[in-house]
Amino acid sequence: MPENADDGPLRQTEQALRGYAEQRGFCFPGIFFEFQPGAREGFGELMRELFRADAHHVIVPNLGHLASHALLRRMMILQLAATAGAGVLALDAS
């Protein structure tokens, strides 16, 4: 992100995610994201954290934050469930 970029929306999103997690008694270790479209490093970090913390929930602002392509998004949700036993919760669905 450029130095002069407005990070206000990012901070608001993080606060919303933290608040959602705290209201439900979930741990919030941080935000995982990809730096480049199609990369999987962030998803791998997320999976490792789920295993490390024995966590079973992933909170996203909306499902499009997992992947913009519907098929890829569905595959990621299935992988989270099958591999880590984790469900995905979307803020916009609450």
PDB file of N, CA and C in Angstrom:
ATOM      1  N   MET A   1       0.845  -1.164   0.000  1.00  0.00           N
ATOM      2  CA  MET A   1       0.000   0.000   0.000  1.00  0.00           C
ATOM      3  C   MET A   1       0.893   1.231   0.000  1.00  0.00           C
ATOM      4  N   PRO A   2       0.632   2.216  -0.837  1.00  0.00           N
ATOM      5  CA  PRO A   2       1.436   3.434  -0.850  1.00  0.00           C
ATOM      6  C   PRO A   2       1.356   4.147   0.494  1.00  0.00           C
ATOM      7  N   GLU A   3       2.432   4.852   0.834  1.00  0.00           N
ATOM      8  CA  GLU A   3       2.497   5.527   2.122  1.00  0.00           C
ATOM      9  C   GLU A   3       1.352   6.502   2.334  1.00  0.00           C
ATOM     10  N   ASN A   4       0.921   7.181   1.290  1.00  0.00           N
ATOM     11  CA  ASN A   4      -0.105   8.197   1.440  1.00  0.00           C
ATOM     12  C   ASN A   4      -1.518   7.650   1.263  1.00  0.00           C
ATOM     13  N   ALA A   5      -1.670   6.348   1.166  1.00  0.00           N
ATOM     14  CA  ALA A   5      -2.993   5.743   0.987  1.00  0.00           C
ATOM     15  C   ALA A   5      -3.797   5.872   2.280  1.00  0.00           C
ATOM     16  N   ASP A   6      -5.093   6.053   2.143  1.00  0.00           N
ATOM     17  CA  ASP A   6      -5.996   6.157   3.290  1.00  0.00           C
ATOM     18  C   ASP A   6      -6.277   4.758   3.822  1.00  0.00           C
ATOM     19  N   ASP A   7      -5.799   4.482   5.034  1.00  0.00           N
ATOM     20  CA  ASP A   7      -6.022   3.151   5.603  1.00  0.00           C
ATOM     21  C   ASP A   7      -7.244   3.126   6.514  1.00  0.00           C
ATOM     22  N   GLY A   8      -8.036   4.184   6.489  1.00  0.00           N
ATOM     23  CA  GLY A   8      -9.252   4.242   7.305  1.00  0.00           C
ATOM     24  C   GLY A   8     -10.204   3.088   7.054  1.00  0.00           C
ATOM     25  N   PRO A   9     -10.542   2.791   5.783  1.00  0.00           N
ATOM     26  CA  PRO A   9     -11.447   1.654   5.533  1.00  0.00           C
ATOM     27  C   PRO A   9     -10.891   0.322   6.034  1.00  0.00           C
ATOM     28  N   LEU A  10      -9.587   0.127   5.907  1.00  0.00           N
ATOM     29  CA  LEU A  10      -8.970  -1.104   6.401  1.00  0.00           C
ATOM     30  C   LEU A  10      -9.100  -1.188   7.917  1.00  0.00           C
ATOM     31  N   ARG A  11      -8.860  -0.086   8.600  1.00  0.00           N
ATOM     32  CA  ARG A  11      -8.990  -0.075  10.063  1.00  0.00           C
ATOM     33  C   ARG A  11     -10.437  -0.321  10.497  1.00  0.00           C
ATOM     34  N   GLN A  12     -11.381   0.267   9.777  1.00  0.00           N
ATOM     35  CA  GLN A  12     -12.791   0.043  10.099  1.00  0.00           C
ATOM     36  C   GLN A  12     -13.169  -1.426   9.924  1.00  0.00           C
ATOM     37  N   THR A  13     -12.671  -2.034   8.853  1.00  0.00           N
ATOM     38  CA  THR A  13     -12.946  -3.453   8.616  1.00  0.00           C
ATOM     39  C   THR A  13     -12.339  -4.308   9.711  1.00  0.00           C
ATOM     40  N   GLU A  14     -11.105  -4.007  10.080  1.00  0.00           N
ATOM     41  CA  GLU A  14     -10.458  -4.776  11.146  1.00  0.00           C
ATOM     42  C   GLU A  14     -11.217  -4.621  12.460  1.00  0.00           C
ATOM     43  N   GLN A  15     -11.660  -3.412  12.780  1.00  0.00           N
ATOM     44  CA  GLN A  15     -12.425  -3.192  14.006  1.00  0.00           C
ATOM     45  C   GLN A  15     -13.745  -3.982  13.985  1.00  0.00           C
ATOM     46  N   ALA A  16     -14.392  -4.005  12.823  1.00  0.00           N
ATOM     47  CA  ALA A  16     -15.643  -4.760  12.700  1.00  0.00           C
ATOM     48  C   ALA A  16     -15.391  -6.252  12.897  1.00  0.00           C
ATOM     49  N   LEU A  17     -14.315  -6.769  12.309  1.00  0.00           N
ATOM     50  CA  LEU A  17     -13.986  -8.187  12.463  1.00  0.00           C
ATOM     51  C   LEU A  17     -13.654  -8.508  13.919  1.00  0.00           C
ATOM     52  N   ARG A  18     -12.845  -7.654  14.548  1.00  0.00           N
ATOM     53  CA  ARG A  18     -12.491  -7.863  15.956  1.00  0.00           C
ATOM     54  C   ARG A  18     -13.737  -7.842  16.846  1.00  0.00           C
ATOM     55  N   GLY A  19     -14.601  -6.868  16.621  1.00  0.00           N
ATOM     56  CA  GLY A  19     -15.816  -6.761  17.416  1.00  0.00           C
ATOM     57  C   GLY A  19     -16.708  -7.980  17.271  1.00  0.00           C
ATOM     58  N   TYR A  20     -16.860  -8.443  16.039  1.00  0.00           N
ATOM     59  CA  TYR A  20     -17.673  -9.630  15.768  1.00  0.00           C
ATOM     60  C   TYR A  20     -17.099 -10.834  16.518  1.00  0.00           C
ATOM     61  N   ALA A  21     -15.776 -10.990  16.449  1.00  0.00           N
ATOM     62  CA  ALA A  21     -15.122 -12.114  17.125  1.00  0.00           C
ATOM     63  C   ALA A  21     -15.295 -12.016  18.640  1.00  0.00           C
ATOM     64  N   GLU A  22     -15.059 -10.836  19.191  1.00  0.00           N
ATOM     65  CA  GLU A  22     -15.157 -10.663  20.640  1.00  0.00           C
ATOM     66  C   GLU A  22     -16.575 -10.918  21.138  1.00  0.00           C
ATOM     67  N   GLN A  23     -17.582 -10.460  20.406  1.00  0.00           N
ATOM     68  CA  GLN A  23     -18.974 -10.664  20.816  1.00  0.00           C
ATOM     69  C   GLN A  23     -19.326 -12.145  20.894  1.00  0.00           C
ATOM     70  N   ARG A  24     -18.640 -12.957  20.123  1.00  0.00           N
ATOM     71  CA  ARG A  24     -18.939 -14.386  20.081  1.00  0.00           C
ATOM     72  C   ARG A  24     -17.927 -15.231  20.852  1.00  0.00           C
ATOM     73  N   GLY A  25     -16.995 -14.568  21.520  1.00  0.00           N
ATOM     74  CA  GLY A  25     -16.013 -15.280  22.331  1.00  0.00           C
ATOM     75  C   GLY A  25     -14.912 -15.953  21.530  1.00  0.00           C
ATOM     76  N   PHE A  26     -14.670 -15.484  20.302  1.00  0.00           N
ATOM     77  CA  PHE A  26     -13.621 -16.045  19.457  1.00  0.00           C
ATOM     78  C   PHE A  26     -12.310 -15.294  19.667  1.00  0.00           C
ATOM     79  N   CYS A  27     -11.217 -15.987  19.472  1.00  0.00           N
ATOM     80  CA  CYS A  27      -9.889 -15.372  19.438  1.00  0.00           C
ATOM     81  C   CYS A  27      -9.708 -14.719  18.074  1.00  0.00           C
ATOM     82  N   PHE A  28      -9.057 -13.566  18.025  1.00  0.00           N
ATOM     83  CA  PHE A  28      -8.804 -12.880  16.757  1.00  0.00           C
ATOM     84  C   PHE A  28      -7.300 -12.707  16.601  1.00  0.00           C
ATOM     85  N   PRO A  29      -6.618 -13.649  15.926  1.00  0.00           N
ATOM     86  CA  PRO A  29      -5.157 -13.566  15.815  1.00  0.00           C
ATOM     87  C   PRO A  29      -4.671 -12.533  14.808  1.00  0.00           C
ATOM     88  N   GLY A  30      -5.501 -12.159  13.859  1.00  0.00           N
ATOM     89  CA  GLY A  30      -5.074 -11.177  12.863  1.00  0.00           C
ATOM     90  C   GLY A  30      -5.781 -11.373  11.543  1.00  0.00           C
ATOM     91  N   ILE A  31      -5.343 -10.588  10.583  1.00  0.00           N
ATOM     92  CA  ILE A  31      -5.914 -10.637   9.244  1.00  0.00           C
ATOM     93  C   ILE A  31      -4.920 -11.333   8.325  1.00  0.00           C
ATOM     94  N   PHE A  32      -5.430 -12.225   7.510  1.00  0.00           N
ATOM     95  CA  PHE A  32      -4.624 -12.948   6.542  1.00  0.00           C
ATOM     96  C   PHE A  32      -5.054 -12.492   5.157  1.00  0.00           C
ATOM     97  N   PHE A  33      -4.096 -12.133   4.315  1.00  0.00           N
ATOM     98  CA  PHE A  33      -4.452 -11.673   2.978  1.00  0.00           C
ATOM     99  C   PHE A  33      -3.350 -12.006   1.995  1.00  0.00           C
ATOM    100  N   GLU A  34      -3.725 -11.983   0.742  1.00  0.00           N
ATOM    101  CA  GLU A  34      -2.787 -12.236  -0.350  1.00  0.00           C
ATOM    102  C   GLU A  34      -2.317 -10.904  -0.914  1.00  0.00           C
ATOM    103  N   PHE A  35      -1.045 -10.841  -1.252  1.00  0.00           N
ATOM    104  CA  PHE A  35      -0.499  -9.631  -1.851  1.00  0.00           C
ATOM    105  C   PHE A  35      -0.736  -9.590  -3.350  1.00  0.00           C
ATOM    106  N   GLN A  36      -0.884 -10.757  -3.957  1.00  0.00           N
ATOM    107  CA  GLN A  36      -1.095 -10.836  -5.405  1.00  0.00           C
ATOM    108  C   GLN A  36      -2.274 -11.755  -5.687  1.00  0.00           C
ATOM    109  N   PRO A  37      -3.119 -11.379  -6.652  1.00  0.00           N
ATOM    110  CA  PRO A  37      -4.229 -12.271  -7.018  1.00  0.00           C
ATOM    111  C   PRO A  37      -3.706 -13.657  -7.421  1.00  0.00           C
ATOM    112  N   GLY A  38      -4.374 -14.676  -6.957  1.00  0.00           N
ATOM    113  CA  GLY A  38      -3.991 -16.044  -7.302  1.00  0.00           C
ATOM    114  C   GLY A  38      -2.944 -16.640  -6.386  1.00  0.00           C
ATOM    115  N   ALA A  39      -2.342 -15.830  -5.515  1.00  0.00           N
ATOM    116  CA  ALA A  39      -1.351 -16.350  -4.578  1.00  0.00           C
ATOM    117  C   ALA A  39      -2.079 -17.137  -3.484  1.00  0.00           C
ATOM    118  N   ARG A  40      -1.347 -18.005  -2.790  1.00  0.00           N
ATOM    119  CA  ARG A  40      -1.975 -18.815  -1.738  1.00  0.00           C
ATOM    120  C   ARG A  40      -1.212 -18.762  -0.421  1.00  0.00           C
ATOM    121  N   GLU A  41      -0.238 -17.864  -0.310  1.00  0.00           N
ATOM    122  CA  GLU A  41       0.548 -17.796   0.919  1.00  0.00           C
ATOM    123  C   GLU A  41      -0.319 -17.412   2.121  1.00  0.00           C
ATOM    124  N   GLY A  42      -1.186 -16.420   1.945  1.00  0.00           N
ATOM    125  CA  GLY A  42      -2.064 -15.995   3.039  1.00  0.00           C
ATOM    126  C   GLY A  42      -3.019 -17.095   3.470  1.00  0.00           C
ATOM    127  N   PHE A  43      -3.548 -17.822   2.495  1.00  0.00           N
ATOM    128  CA  PHE A  43      -4.451 -18.931   2.811  1.00  0.00           C
ATOM    129  C   PHE A  43      -3.692 -20.018   3.571  1.00  0.00           C
ATOM    130  N   GLY A  44      -2.463 -20.279   3.165  1.00  0.00           N
ATOM    131  CA  GLY A  44      -1.638 -21.248   3.881  1.00  0.00           C
ATOM    132  C   GLY A  44      -1.362 -20.817   5.310  1.00  0.00           C
ATOM    133  N   GLU A  45      -1.081 -19.533   5.513  1.00  0.00           N
ATOM    134  CA  GLU A  45      -0.867 -19.008   6.860  1.00  0.00           C
ATOM    135  C   GLU A  45      -2.141 -19.154   7.694  1.00  0.00           C
ATOM    136  N   LEU A  46      -3.275 -18.862   7.085  1.00  0.00           N
ATOM    137  CA  LEU A  46      -4.560 -19.022   7.771  1.00  0.00           C
ATOM    138  C   LEU A  46      -4.759 -20.468   8.206  1.00  0.00           C
ATOM    139  N   MET A  47      -4.503 -21.405   7.316  1.00  0.00           N
ATOM    140  CA  MET A  47      -4.663 -22.824   7.654  1.00  0.00           C
ATOM    141  C   MET A  47      -3.736 -23.213   8.808  1.00  0.00           C
ATOM    142  N   ARG A  48      -2.484 -22.776   8.752  1.00  0.00           N
ATOM    143  CA  ARG A  48      -1.543 -23.101   9.834  1.00  0.00           C
ATOM    144  C   ARG A  48      -2.026 -22.529  11.175  1.00  0.00           C
ATOM    145  N   GLU A  49      -2.564 -21.317  11.154  1.00  0.00           N
ATOM    146  CA  GLU A  49      -3.054 -20.703  12.390  1.00  0.00           C
ATOM    147  C   GLU A  49      -4.276 -21.447  12.928  1.00  0.00           C
ATOM    148  N   LEU A  50      -5.146 -21.894  12.048  1.00  0.00           N
ATOM    149  CA  LEU A  50      -6.300 -22.678  12.490  1.00  0.00           C
ATOM    150  C   LEU A  50      -5.850 -23.932  13.225  1.00  0.00           C
ATOM    151  N   PHE A  51      -4.845 -24.622  12.675  1.00  0.00           N
ATOM    152  CA  PHE A  51      -4.333 -25.831  13.317  1.00  0.00           C
ATOM    153  C   PHE A  51      -3.624 -25.494  14.626  1.00  0.00           C
ATOM    154  N   ARG A  52      -2.780 -24.459  14.600  1.00  0.00           N
ATOM    155  CA  ARG A  52      -2.014 -24.087  15.790  1.00  0.00           C
ATOM    156  C   ARG A  52      -2.943 -23.746  16.950  1.00  0.00           C
ATOM    157  N   ALA A  53      -3.974 -22.974  16.672  1.00  0.00           N
ATOM    158  CA  ALA A  53      -4.885 -22.505  17.719  1.00  0.00           C
ATOM    159  C   ALA A  53      -6.061 -23.453  17.966  1.00  0.00           C
ATOM    160  N   ASP A  54      -6.134 -24.537  17.199  1.00  0.00           N
ATOM    161  CA  ASP A  54      -7.280 -25.443  17.258  1.00  0.00           C
ATOM    162  C   ASP A  54      -8.576 -24.639  17.119  1.00  0.00           C
ATOM    163  N   ALA A  55      -8.557 -23.731  16.138  1.00  0.00           N
ATOM    164  CA  ALA A  55      -9.699 -22.844  15.876  1.00  0.00           C
ATOM    165  C   ALA A  55     -10.564 -23.433  14.766  1.00  0.00           C
ATOM    166  N   HIS A  56     -11.845 -23.061  14.778  1.00  0.00           N
ATOM    167  CA  HIS A  56     -12.776 -23.654  13.823  1.00  0.00           C
ATOM    168  C   HIS A  56     -13.695 -22.634  13.162  1.00  0.00           C
ATOM    169  N   HIS A  57     -13.260 -21.365  13.179  1.00  0.00           N
ATOM    170  CA  HIS A  57     -14.042 -20.311  12.544  1.00  0.00           C
ATOM    171  C   HIS A  57     -13.125 -19.345  11.806  1.00  0.00           C
ATOM    172  N   VAL A  58     -13.570 -18.927  10.647  1.00  0.00           N
ATOM    173  CA  VAL A  58     -12.900 -17.891   9.868  1.00  0.00           C
ATOM    174  C   VAL A  58     -13.942 -16.805   9.637  1.00  0.00           C
ATOM    175  N   ILE A  59     -13.605 -15.577   9.998  1.00  0.00           N
ATOM    176  CA  ILE A  59     -14.534 -14.464   9.840  1.00  0.00           C
ATOM    177  C   ILE A  59     -14.045 -13.584   8.695  1.00  0.00           C
ATOM    178  N   VAL A  60     -14.948 -13.267   7.782  1.00  0.00           N
ATOM    179  CA  VAL A  60     -14.629 -12.410   6.634  1.00  0.00           C
ATOM    180  C   VAL A  60     -15.693 -11.312   6.532  1.00  0.00           C
ATOM    181  N   PRO A  61     -15.323 -10.156   5.955  1.00  0.00           N
ATOM    182  CA  PRO A  61     -16.337  -9.106   5.755  1.00  0.00           C
ATOM    183  C   PRO A  61     -17.484  -9.598   4.881  1.00  0.00           C
ATOM    184  N   ASN A  62     -17.153 -10.298   3.819  1.00  0.00           N
ATOM    185  CA  ASN A  62     -18.131 -10.968   2.956  1.00  0.00           C
ATOM    186  C   ASN A  62     -17.404 -12.102   2.243  1.00  0.00           C
ATOM    187  N   LEU A  63     -18.142 -13.030   1.701  1.00  0.00           N
ATOM    188  CA  LEU A  63     -17.508 -14.214   1.103  1.00  0.00           C
ATOM    189  C   LEU A  63     -16.592 -13.860  -0.069  1.00  0.00           C
ATOM    190  N   GLY A  64     -16.853 -12.746  -0.718  1.00  0.00           N
ATOM    191  CA  GLY A  64     -15.986 -12.310  -1.806  1.00  0.00           C
ATOM    192  C   GLY A  64     -14.567 -12.011  -1.355  1.00  0.00           C
ATOM    193  N   HIS A  65     -14.357 -11.829  -0.054  1.00  0.00           N
ATOM    194  CA  HIS A  65     -13.009 -11.597   0.447  1.00  0.00           C
ATOM    195  C   HIS A  65     -12.164 -12.867   0.421  1.00  0.00           C
ATOM    196  N   LEU A  66     -12.797 -14.018   0.368  1.00  0.00           N
ATOM    197  CA  LEU A  66     -12.030 -15.260   0.212  1.00  0.00           C
ATOM    198  C   LEU A  66     -11.481 -15.366  -1.203  1.00  0.00           C
ATOM    199  N   ALA A  67     -12.344 -15.141  -2.172  1.00  0.00           N
ATOM    200  CA  ALA A  67     -11.965 -15.183  -3.591  1.00  0.00           C
ATOM    201  C   ALA A  67     -13.091 -14.545  -4.388  1.00  0.00           C
ATOM    202  N   SER A  68     -12.735 -13.829  -5.428  1.00  0.00           N
ATOM    203  CA  SER A  68     -13.765 -13.189  -6.244  1.00  0.00           C
ATOM    204  C   SER A  68     -14.454 -14.185  -7.176  1.00  0.00           C
ATOM    205  N   HIS A  69     -13.769 -15.252  -7.521  1.00  0.00           N
ATOM    206  CA  HIS A  69     -14.343 -16.267  -8.408  1.00  0.00           C
ATOM    207  C   HIS A  69     -15.138 -17.267  -7.567  1.00  0.00           C
ATOM    208  N   ALA A  70     -16.402 -17.472  -7.913  1.00  0.00           N
ATOM    209  CA  ALA A  70     -17.304 -18.313  -7.112  1.00  0.00           C
ATOM    210  C   ALA A  70     -16.797 -19.743  -6.936  1.00  0.00           C
ATOM    211  N   LEU A  71     -16.263 -20.346  -7.980  1.00  0.00           N
ATOM    212  CA  LEU A  71     -15.788 -21.736  -7.872  1.00  0.00           C
ATOM    213  C   LEU A  71     -14.575 -21.823  -6.940  1.00  0.00           C
ATOM    214  N   LEU A  72     -13.635 -20.910  -7.087  1.00  0.00           N
ATOM    215  CA  LEU A  72     -12.464 -20.904  -6.206  1.00  0.00           C
ATOM    216  C   LEU A  72     -12.897 -20.661  -4.765  1.00  0.00           C
ATOM    217  N   ARG A  73     -13.804 -19.734  -4.568  1.00  0.00           N
ATOM    218  CA  ARG A  73     -14.315 -19.440  -3.225  1.00  0.00           C
ATOM    219  C   ARG A  73     -14.944 -20.694  -2.612  1.00  0.00           C
ATOM    220  N   ARG A  74     -15.744 -21.401  -3.388  1.00  0.00           N
ATOM    221  CA  ARG A  74     -16.386 -22.633  -2.891  1.00  0.00           C
ATOM    222  C   ARG A  74     -15.339 -23.681  -2.528  1.00  0.00           C
ATOM    223  N   MET A  75     -14.312 -23.809  -3.353  1.00  0.00           N
ATOM    224  CA  MET A  75     -13.246 -24.788  -3.079  1.00  0.00           C
ATOM    225  C   MET A  75     -12.483 -24.420  -1.802  1.00  0.00           C
ATOM    226  N   MET A  76     -12.261 -23.138  -1.580  1.00  0.00           N
ATOM    227  CA  MET A  76     -11.573 -22.706  -0.362  1.00  0.00           C
ATOM    228  C   MET A  76     -12.418 -23.005   0.872  1.00  0.00           C
ATOM    229  N   ILE A  77     -13.721 -22.752   0.789  1.00  0.00           N
ATOM    230  CA  ILE A  77     -14.624 -23.043   1.903  1.00  0.00           C
ATOM    231  C   ILE A  77     -14.637 -24.541   2.191  1.00  0.00           C
ATOM    232  N   LEU A  78     -14.684 -25.346   1.141  1.00  0.00           N
ATOM    233  CA  LEU A  78     -14.655 -26.800   1.322  1.00  0.00           C
ATOM    234  C   LEU A  78     -13.329 -27.263   1.921  1.00  0.00           C
ATOM    235  N   GLN A  79     -12.222 -26.674   1.485  1.00  0.00           N
ATOM    236  CA  GLN A  79     -10.914 -27.043   2.025  1.00  0.00           C
ATOM    237  C   GLN A  79     -10.812 -26.660   3.502  1.00  0.00           C
ATOM    238  N   LEU A  80     -11.299 -25.480   3.859  1.00  0.00           N
ATOM    239  CA  LEU A  80     -11.291 -25.082   5.274  1.00  0.00           C
ATOM    240  C   LEU A  80     -12.085 -26.072   6.115  1.00  0.00           C
ATOM    241  N   ALA A  81     -13.238 -26.477   5.618  1.00  0.00           N
ATOM    242  CA  ALA A  81     -14.080 -27.415   6.365  1.00  0.00           C
ATOM    243  C   ALA A  81     -13.455 -28.799   6.447  1.00  0.00           C
ATOM    244  N   ALA A  82     -12.992 -29.313   5.318  1.00  0.00           N
ATOM    245  CA  ALA A  82     -12.481 -30.685   5.274  1.00  0.00           C
ATOM    246  C   ALA A  82     -11.130 -30.831   5.962  1.00  0.00           C
ATOM    247  N   THR A  83     -10.267 -29.854   5.812  1.00  0.00           N
ATOM    248  CA  THR A  83      -8.905 -29.971   6.330  1.00  0.00           C
ATOM    249  C   THR A  83      -8.781 -29.478   7.762  1.00  0.00           C
ATOM    250  N   ALA A  84      -9.421 -28.345   8.067  1.00  0.00           N
ATOM    251  CA  ALA A  84      -9.268 -27.743   9.388  1.00  0.00           C
ATOM    252  C   ALA A  84     -10.543 -27.809  10.231  1.00  0.00           C
ATOM    253  N   GLY A  85     -11.622 -28.349   9.673  1.00  0.00           N
ATOM    254  CA  GLY A  85     -12.872 -28.380  10.411  1.00  0.00           C
ATOM    255  C   GLY A  85     -13.404 -26.995  10.716  1.00  0.00           C
ATOM    256  N   ALA A  86     -13.102 -26.038   9.841  1.00  0.00           N
ATOM    257  CA  ALA A  86     -13.464 -24.636  10.080  1.00  0.00           C
ATOM    258  C   ALA A  86     -14.613 -24.197   9.192  1.00  0.00           C
ATOM    259  N   GLY A  87     -15.501 -23.424   9.774  1.00  0.00           N
ATOM    260  CA  GLY A  87     -16.579 -22.801   9.026  1.00  0.00           C
ATOM    261  C   GLY A  87     -16.260 -21.349   8.771  1.00  0.00           C
ATOM    262  N   VAL A  88     -16.872 -20.777   7.751  1.00  0.00           N
ATOM    263  CA  VAL A  88     -16.648 -19.386   7.393  1.00  0.00           C
ATOM    264  C   VAL A  88     -17.874 -18.573   7.791  1.00  0.00           C
ATOM    265  N   LEU A  89     -17.647 -17.501   8.526  1.00  0.00           N
ATOM    266  CA  LEU A  89     -18.702 -16.590   8.945  1.00  0.00           C
ATOM    267  C   LEU A  89     -18.481 -15.247   8.251  1.00  0.00           C
ATOM    268  N   ALA A  90     -19.525 -14.728   7.619  1.00  0.00           N
ATOM    269  CA  ALA A  90     -19.419 -13.462   6.910  1.00  0.00           C
ATOM    270  C   ALA A  90     -20.169 -12.367   7.655  1.00  0.00           C
ATOM    271  N   LEU A  91     -19.525 -11.216   7.855  1.00  0.00           N
ATOM    272  CA  LEU A  91     -20.161 -10.101   8.555  1.00  0.00           C
ATOM    273  C   LEU A  91     -21.436  -9.656   7.873  1.00  0.00           C
ATOM    274  N   ASP A  92     -21.454  -9.657   6.549  1.00  0.00           N
ATOM    275  CA  ASP A  92     -22.626  -9.172   5.834  1.00  0.00           C
ATOM    276  C   ASP A  92     -23.796 -10.151   5.873  1.00  0.00           C
ATOM    277  N   ALA A  93     -23.594 -11.330   6.445  1.00  0.00           N
ATOM    278  CA  ALA A  93     -24.673 -12.315   6.563  1.00  0.00           C
ATOM    279  C   ALA A  93     -25.278 -12.290   7.957  1.00  0.00           C
ATOM    280  N   SER A  94     -24.729 -11.457   8.827  1.00  0.00           N
ATOM    281  CA  SER A  94     -25.246 -11.446  10.208  1.00  0.00           C
ATOM    282  C   SER A  94     -26.280 -10.379  10.422  1.00  0.00           C
TER     283      SER A  94
END
